[in-house]
Amino acid sequence: MNELILGTGPTSEPVTTAEAKSHLRVDVSDDDTLITALIVAARQAFEEINGRSLYTTTWKLILDEWPTCPYIVLPRPPLAAVTSVVYVDSDGDSQTWDAANYVVETLRTPGRLHLAEGVDWPSASLRAASPITITYVAGWATVGAIPQRYKQAILLLVGHWHENRETVATGTIVAKYPMAFESLATLDRVWL
């Protein structure tokens, strides 16, 4: 079983508080803390639904065994770089696999770690629990590189949450995410 663990989250959000306030038509600073928190939550919701990392994020993919195919798919594109491939052998010794043994494919969505020509996965016996850790960086390197439709989806969700701070109900109907947000978030969703 594979598990994806957040290493280091983004240091910036794709939408600024000022941009969100402009979208919300808010002129005072009373809700700045709330709006900033809503931006973070909306980005996280978008990333979960869409399957991407919007801004530079470090991930750790934990594997129980080497794959039977010559590559490993790395979730949460766009893939920027692989930092390390480390495995723990059955003696409990940690081994860093040399980067010359693999090729990082960043142009594909999602990105992949491919075996280099003539190389096989390590043959050492692995520790029983979570023996392989691939650490990598995903997301766009600058806020300006993030597609505008993703930023707009975040603004729409921030607006919805700012306007409706409790469960939204009309009669007995409970509303979900606004349709425009869902349309943008699933437009080019990454399926794994």
Protein backbone atom coordinates (compact mmCIF):
# COMPACT_ATOMS: atom_id res chain seq x y z
CA MET A 1 0.00 0.00 0.00
CA ASN A 2 1.27 3.47 -0.87
CA GLU A 3 0.87 6.51 1.33
CA LEU A 4 1.45 10.16 0.48
CA ILE A 5 2.63 12.38 3.32
CA LEU A 6 3.02 16.14 3.26
CA GLY A 7 6.64 17.08 3.95
CA THR A 8 6.70 20.88 3.69
CA GLY A 9 3.65 22.85 2.69
CA PRO A 10 3.61 25.87 0.40
CA THR A 11 5.16 29.09 1.71
CA SER A 12 2.63 31.25 -0.14
CA GLU A 13 -0.96 30.98 -1.28
CA PRO A 14 -2.09 31.28 -4.91
CA VAL A 15 -4.44 34.11 -3.93
CA THR A 16 -3.52 37.03 -1.67
CA THR A 17 -5.75 38.40 1.05
CA ALA A 18 -5.98 41.65 -0.95
CA GLU A 19 -7.17 39.74 -4.05
CA ALA A 20 -9.75 37.87 -1.98
CA LYS A 21 -10.97 41.10 -0.36
CA SER A 22 -11.35 42.68 -3.78
CA HIS A 23 -13.33 39.63 -4.95
CA LEU A 24 -15.48 39.81 -1.81
CA ARG A 25 -15.88 43.60 -2.07
CA VAL A 26 -14.56 43.98 1.47
CA ASP A 27 -12.92 47.34 2.23
CA VAL A 28 -12.16 46.98 5.96
CA SER A 29 -9.57 44.83 7.71
CA ASP A 30 -11.92 43.34 10.34
CA ASP A 31 -12.12 39.97 8.55
CA ASP A 32 -8.51 39.74 7.29
CA THR A 33 -7.63 36.83 9.58
CA LEU A 34 -10.78 34.96 8.59
CA ILE A 35 -10.26 35.65 4.88
CA THR A 36 -6.65 34.46 5.06
CA ALA A 37 -7.78 31.23 6.78
CA LEU A 38 -10.49 30.75 4.15
CA ILE A 39 -7.88 31.08 1.37
CA VAL A 40 -5.78 28.31 2.93
CA ALA A 41 -8.82 26.06 3.40
CA ALA A 42 -10.08 26.73 -0.15
CA ARG A 43 -6.64 25.94 -1.62
CA GLN A 44 -6.50 22.71 0.37
CA ALA A 45 -10.02 21.76 -0.78
CA PHE A 46 -9.13 22.53 -4.40
CA GLU A 47 -5.94 20.46 -4.21
CA GLU A 48 -7.78 17.47 -2.72
CA ILE A 49 -10.50 17.58 -5.38
CA ASN A 50 -8.22 18.36 -8.34
CA GLY A 51 -5.28 16.16 -7.29
CA ARG A 52 -2.61 18.84 -7.83
CA SER A 53 -0.18 20.87 -5.76
CA LEU A 54 -0.66 24.50 -6.66
CA TYR A 55 2.48 26.03 -5.14
CA THR A 56 5.85 24.47 -4.33
CA THR A 57 5.26 21.64 -1.84
CA THR A 58 7.46 18.78 -0.64
CA TRP A 59 5.87 15.32 -0.55
CA LYS A 60 6.98 11.92 0.72
CA LEU A 61 5.61 8.89 -1.11
CA ILE A 62 5.90 5.78 1.08
CA LEU A 63 5.95 2.40 -0.70
CA ASP A 64 5.82 -1.11 0.75
CA GLU A 65 7.68 -2.62 -2.21
CA TRP A 66 9.28 -1.78 -5.53
CA PRO A 67 6.86 -1.80 -8.46
CA THR A 68 6.78 -4.53 -11.10
CA CYS A 69 6.88 -1.90 -13.88
CA PRO A 70 9.87 0.36 -14.70
CA TYR A 71 8.41 3.54 -13.21
CA ILE A 72 6.67 5.03 -10.17
CA VAL A 73 3.91 7.61 -10.60
CA LEU A 74 4.35 10.60 -8.27
CA PRO A 75 1.01 12.11 -7.20
CA ARG A 76 0.15 15.80 -6.89
CA PRO A 77 1.56 17.28 -10.11
CA PRO A 78 3.16 19.27 -11.51
CA LEU A 79 6.35 17.41 -10.54
CA ALA A 80 9.35 19.73 -10.18
CA ALA A 81 12.11 17.44 -8.87
CA VAL A 82 12.88 14.27 -6.95
CA THR A 83 14.96 15.04 -3.87
CA SER A 84 15.79 11.50 -2.77
CA VAL A 85 14.91 7.82 -2.97
CA VAL A 86 15.67 6.05 0.29
CA TYR A 87 14.96 2.45 1.24
CA VAL A 88 15.49 0.50 4.45
CA ASP A 89 16.86 -3.02 4.08
CA SER A 90 15.86 -6.00 6.23
CA ASP A 91 18.81 -5.26 8.58
CA GLY A 92 17.31 -1.84 9.31
CA ASP A 93 20.00 0.07 7.40
CA SER A 94 18.87 3.10 5.41
CA GLN A 95 20.18 3.26 1.83
CA THR A 96 19.99 6.30 -0.43
CA TRP A 97 19.55 5.16 -4.00
CA ASP A 98 21.85 7.03 -6.38
CA ALA A 99 20.08 9.52 -8.68
CA ALA A 100 22.01 8.03 -11.63
CA ASN A 101 19.74 4.98 -11.30
CA TYR A 102 16.59 6.85 -12.29
CA VAL A 103 15.23 9.50 -14.63
CA VAL A 104 12.70 12.07 -13.45
CA GLU A 105 9.94 12.76 -15.98
CA THR A 106 8.41 16.17 -15.22
CA LEU A 107 6.60 16.78 -18.51
CA ARG A 108 3.96 14.09 -17.94
CA THR A 109 0.96 14.68 -15.68
CA PRO A 110 1.41 13.20 -13.17
CA GLY A 111 5.21 13.01 -13.23
CA ARG A 112 7.14 9.77 -12.96
CA LEU A 113 10.36 8.35 -11.64
CA HIS A 114 11.67 5.95 -14.33
CA LEU A 115 14.44 3.40 -14.08
CA ALA A 116 17.50 4.54 -16.02
CA GLU A 117 18.46 2.47 -19.06
CA GLY A 118 19.84 -0.92 -17.97
CA VAL A 119 19.01 -0.43 -14.27
CA ASP A 120 16.73 -2.59 -12.11
CA TRP A 121 15.08 -1.78 -8.81
CA PRO A 122 17.32 -2.59 -5.81
CA SER A 123 17.36 -6.30 -5.02
CA ALA A 124 18.07 -5.98 -1.28
CA SER A 125 15.49 -7.48 1.06
CA LEU A 126 13.35 -4.70 2.47
CA ARG A 127 12.18 -3.93 5.99
CA ALA A 128 8.62 -5.16 6.50
CA ALA A 129 7.00 -1.79 7.27
CA SER A 130 7.14 1.22 4.92
CA PRO A 131 10.64 0.56 3.59
CA ILE A 132 10.76 2.97 0.61
CA THR A 133 10.47 6.77 0.79
CA ILE A 134 10.56 8.97 -2.29
CA THR A 135 10.86 12.65 -1.40
CA TYR A 136 9.94 15.08 -4.15
CA VAL A 137 8.85 18.63 -4.89
CA ALA A 138 5.63 19.39 -6.75
CA GLY A 139 3.69 22.52 -7.62
CA TRP A 140 4.34 25.65 -9.63
CA ALA A 141 7.48 27.59 -8.64
CA THR A 142 5.79 31.00 -8.78
CA VAL A 143 2.29 32.18 -8.02
CA GLY A 144 2.19 33.79 -11.47
CA ALA A 145 2.62 30.37 -13.12
CA ILE A 146 -0.49 28.90 -11.44
CA PRO A 147 -3.34 28.80 -13.97
CA GLN A 148 -5.87 31.59 -13.44
CA ARG A 149 -8.81 29.16 -13.47
CA TYR A 150 -7.40 27.52 -10.32
CA LYS A 151 -7.08 30.88 -8.60
CA GLN A 152 -10.62 31.75 -9.64
CA ALA A 153 -11.93 28.50 -8.15
CA ILE A 154 -10.29 29.42 -4.84
CA LEU A 155 -11.81 32.91 -4.93
CA LEU A 156 -15.26 31.44 -5.61
CA LEU A 157 -15.01 29.07 -2.67
CA VAL A 158 -13.66 31.80 -0.36
CA GLY A 159 -16.62 33.95 -1.41
CA HIS A 160 -19.08 31.16 -0.72
CA TRP A 161 -17.62 30.42 2.71
CA HIS A 162 -17.32 34.11 3.63
CA GLU A 163 -20.96 34.72 2.74
CA ASN A 164 -22.24 31.48 4.33
CA ARG A 165 -20.37 30.93 7.58
CA GLU A 166 -22.60 28.12 8.75
CA THR A 167 -24.24 25.21 6.95
CA VAL A 168 -26.27 26.69 4.12
CA ALA A 169 -29.88 25.55 4.20
CA THR A 170 -33.02 26.57 2.37
CA GLY A 171 -36.00 24.69 3.68
CA THR A 172 -34.71 21.13 3.88
CA ILE A 173 -32.13 21.40 1.09
CA VAL A 174 -28.51 21.67 2.15
CA ALA A 175 -26.18 23.25 -0.41
CA LYS A 176 -22.71 21.95 -1.27
CA TYR A 177 -19.81 23.73 -2.93
CA PRO A 178 -20.96 26.27 -5.48
CA MET A 179 -21.33 24.72 -8.93
CA ALA A 180 -18.79 27.12 -10.50
CA PHE A 181 -16.11 26.03 -8.00
CA GLU A 182 -16.82 22.36 -8.63
CA SER A 183 -16.70 22.90 -12.40
CA LEU A 184 -13.29 24.61 -12.20
CA ALA A 185 -11.87 22.16 -9.65
CA THR A 186 -12.78 19.10 -11.69
CA LEU A 187 -12.10 20.56 -15.15
CA ASP A 188 -8.72 18.82 -15.56
CA ARG A 189 -8.65 16.67 -12.47
CA VAL A 190 -5.72 14.28 -12.04
CA TRP A 191 -6.88 10.69 -11.64
CA LEU A 192 -4.55 8.09 -10.14
